[in-house]
Amino acid sequence: MKVSVGDQIPEWVMEHVSAARMRTMAAVLRDPNPVHWDPKLVAQLGFGERTINQGPLGLSYMINMLHEWTGPTSIRRIVMRFPQVILDGDKVIARGEVTAVREEGDERLADCRIWLHREGTEPPLEGTATVALPSG
């Protein structure tokens, strides 16, 4: 795979963040925080009658993007910040850019800046990742 500094990572799109998926994830994670299933509480926090996506779900969008680009075992390091919430009904797009390409041991690695894009706001998630590039 030919990869150079400045290359854009192919986008991964979540057309509609789902409140139902949030409720399921709250049960799976045993996360009792009502912001993931009670829109009236979230409205009191100033976000309207919507529910707030769990951090692990937002992170999974970034991981899906990286896996589709370089394969399911490629991630070597990922560091994320969660400066804003993602709400049910949002359309978010995982995006990234290659910031360095290097050899380490027997692997060719790409360091990347990654973020979630949501129209009209600052990125709700942003961070860095290192992935092993497929050979060939």
Protein backbone atom coordinates (compact mmCIF):
# COMPACT_ATOMS: atom_id res chain seq x y z
CA MET A 1 0.00 0.00 0.00
CA LYS A 2 1.46 3.35 -1.06
CA VAL A 3 0.92 5.95 1.66
CA SER A 4 2.49 9.41 1.95
CA VAL A 5 2.41 12.27 4.42
CA GLY A 6 -0.65 14.41 3.70
CA ASP A 7 -2.75 11.55 2.33
CA GLN A 8 -6.37 11.58 3.46
CA ILE A 9 -7.73 8.43 5.05
CA PRO A 10 -10.91 7.23 3.31
CA GLU A 11 -13.90 8.56 5.26
CA TRP A 12 -16.23 6.37 7.30
CA VAL A 13 -19.78 7.73 7.59
CA MET A 14 -22.36 7.20 10.34
CA GLU A 15 -25.48 8.57 8.64
CA HIS A 16 -27.65 8.55 11.74
CA VAL A 17 -26.44 8.09 15.31
CA SER A 18 -29.11 5.87 16.83
CA ALA A 19 -30.79 6.34 20.23
CA ALA A 20 -31.74 2.63 20.16
CA ARG A 21 -28.08 1.68 19.74
CA MET A 22 -27.20 3.91 22.71
CA ARG A 23 -29.75 2.13 24.92
CA THR A 24 -28.33 -1.24 23.86
CA MET A 25 -24.76 -0.09 24.51
CA ALA A 26 -25.78 1.27 27.94
CA ALA A 27 -27.07 -2.21 28.81
CA VAL A 28 -23.98 -3.97 27.41
CA LEU A 29 -21.60 -1.62 29.25
CA ARG A 30 -23.77 -1.64 32.38
CA ASP A 31 -23.66 2.14 32.09
CA PRO A 32 -26.42 3.55 34.31
CA ASN A 33 -25.91 7.17 33.17
CA PRO A 34 -29.37 8.38 32.07
CA VAL A 35 -27.94 10.79 29.47
CA HIS A 36 -27.74 7.76 27.15
CA TRP A 37 -31.45 6.92 27.35
CA ASP A 38 -33.42 9.85 28.88
CA PRO A 39 -33.94 12.72 26.38
CA LYS A 40 -35.83 14.84 28.94
CA LEU A 41 -32.80 14.85 31.24
CA VAL A 42 -30.52 15.74 28.31
CA ALA A 43 -32.86 18.64 27.45
CA GLN A 44 -32.33 19.99 30.99
CA LEU A 45 -28.59 20.00 30.21
CA GLY A 46 -29.21 22.26 27.20
CA PHE A 47 -28.81 19.76 24.33
CA GLY A 48 -32.48 19.46 23.36
CA GLU A 49 -34.58 16.31 23.71
CA ARG A 50 -31.97 13.93 22.40
CA THR A 51 -29.70 11.39 24.03
CA ILE A 52 -25.92 11.51 24.27
CA ASN A 53 -23.80 8.88 22.51
CA GLN A 54 -21.40 6.85 24.66
CA GLY A 55 -17.71 7.60 24.21
CA PRO A 56 -16.95 4.00 23.18
CA LEU A 57 -19.49 4.23 20.34
CA GLY A 58 -17.90 7.43 19.03
CA LEU A 59 -14.48 5.81 19.31
CA SER A 60 -15.78 2.79 17.37
CA TYR A 61 -16.50 5.05 14.37
CA MET A 62 -12.83 6.02 14.32
CA ILE A 63 -11.73 2.40 14.68
CA ASN A 64 -14.06 1.35 11.85
CA MET A 65 -12.44 3.94 9.58
CA LEU A 66 -8.92 2.73 10.40
CA HIS A 67 -9.86 -0.95 10.03
CA GLU A 68 -11.48 -0.39 6.63
CA TRP A 69 -8.36 1.47 5.48
CA THR A 70 -5.57 -0.78 6.80
CA GLY A 71 -7.18 -3.97 8.11
CA PRO A 72 -8.61 -5.35 11.37
CA THR A 73 -5.28 -5.92 13.13
CA SER A 74 -3.51 -2.72 12.07
CA ILE A 75 -4.02 -0.35 14.99
CA ARG A 76 -0.91 -0.01 17.13
CA ARG A 77 -1.87 3.08 19.12
CA ILE A 78 -4.87 5.37 19.41
CA VAL A 79 -5.26 8.43 21.63
CA MET A 80 -8.57 10.32 21.60
CA ARG A 81 -10.05 13.42 23.18
CA PHE A 82 -13.81 13.84 23.52
CA PRO A 83 -14.29 17.64 23.58
CA GLN A 84 -17.99 17.61 22.57
CA VAL A 85 -20.93 15.25 22.82
CA ILE A 86 -22.47 13.35 19.92
CA LEU A 87 -26.26 13.27 19.98
CA ASP A 88 -28.81 10.86 18.58
CA GLY A 89 -29.76 11.85 15.05
CA ASP A 90 -26.33 13.36 14.30
CA LYS A 91 -24.53 12.51 11.08
CA VAL A 92 -20.82 12.14 11.79
CA ILE A 93 -17.96 11.36 9.46
CA ALA A 94 -14.71 9.81 10.64
CA ARG A 95 -11.80 11.47 8.86
CA GLY A 96 -8.04 11.41 9.05
CA GLU A 97 -4.78 12.50 7.54
CA VAL A 98 -1.36 10.84 7.47
CA THR A 99 1.21 12.92 9.39
CA ALA A 100 4.22 10.59 9.18
CA VAL A 101 5.29 7.31 7.61
CA ARG A 102 8.12 5.36 9.21
CA GLU A 103 9.71 1.97 9.63
CA GLU A 104 9.80 0.37 13.07
CA GLY A 105 11.16 -3.13 13.43
CA ASP A 106 9.67 -5.11 10.57
CA GLU A 107 6.61 -2.87 10.20
CA ARG A 108 5.86 0.16 8.08
CA LEU A 109 3.78 2.51 10.23
CA ALA A 110 1.62 5.53 9.51
CA ASP A 111 1.02 8.15 12.17
CA CYS A 112 -2.28 9.93 11.63
CA ARG A 113 -4.36 12.79 12.89
CA ILE A 114 -7.97 11.59 13.17
CA TRP A 115 -11.27 13.28 14.02
CA LEU A 116 -15.03 13.05 13.75
CA HIS A 117 -16.61 15.70 11.57
CA ARG A 118 -20.09 17.02 12.30
CA GLU A 119 -21.48 19.81 10.14
CA GLY A 120 -21.38 23.22 11.80
CA THR A 121 -19.37 22.32 14.91
CA GLU A 122 -15.87 21.67 16.08
CA PRO A 123 -14.93 17.97 15.98
CA PRO A 124 -16.68 16.08 18.79
CA LEU A 125 -13.75 13.61 18.86
CA GLU A 126 -10.15 14.19 17.84
CA GLY A 127 -6.88 12.43 18.34
CA THR A 128 -4.00 10.50 16.86
CA ALA A 129 -3.46 6.94 15.73
CA THR A 130 -0.60 4.77 14.57
CA VAL A 131 -1.41 1.94 12.18
CA ALA A 132 0.67 -0.77 10.57
CA LEU A 133 0.41 -0.49 6.79
CA PRO A 134 -0.30 -3.61 4.78
CA SER A 135 2.61 -4.79 2.67
CA GLY A 136 2.39 -4.80 -1.07
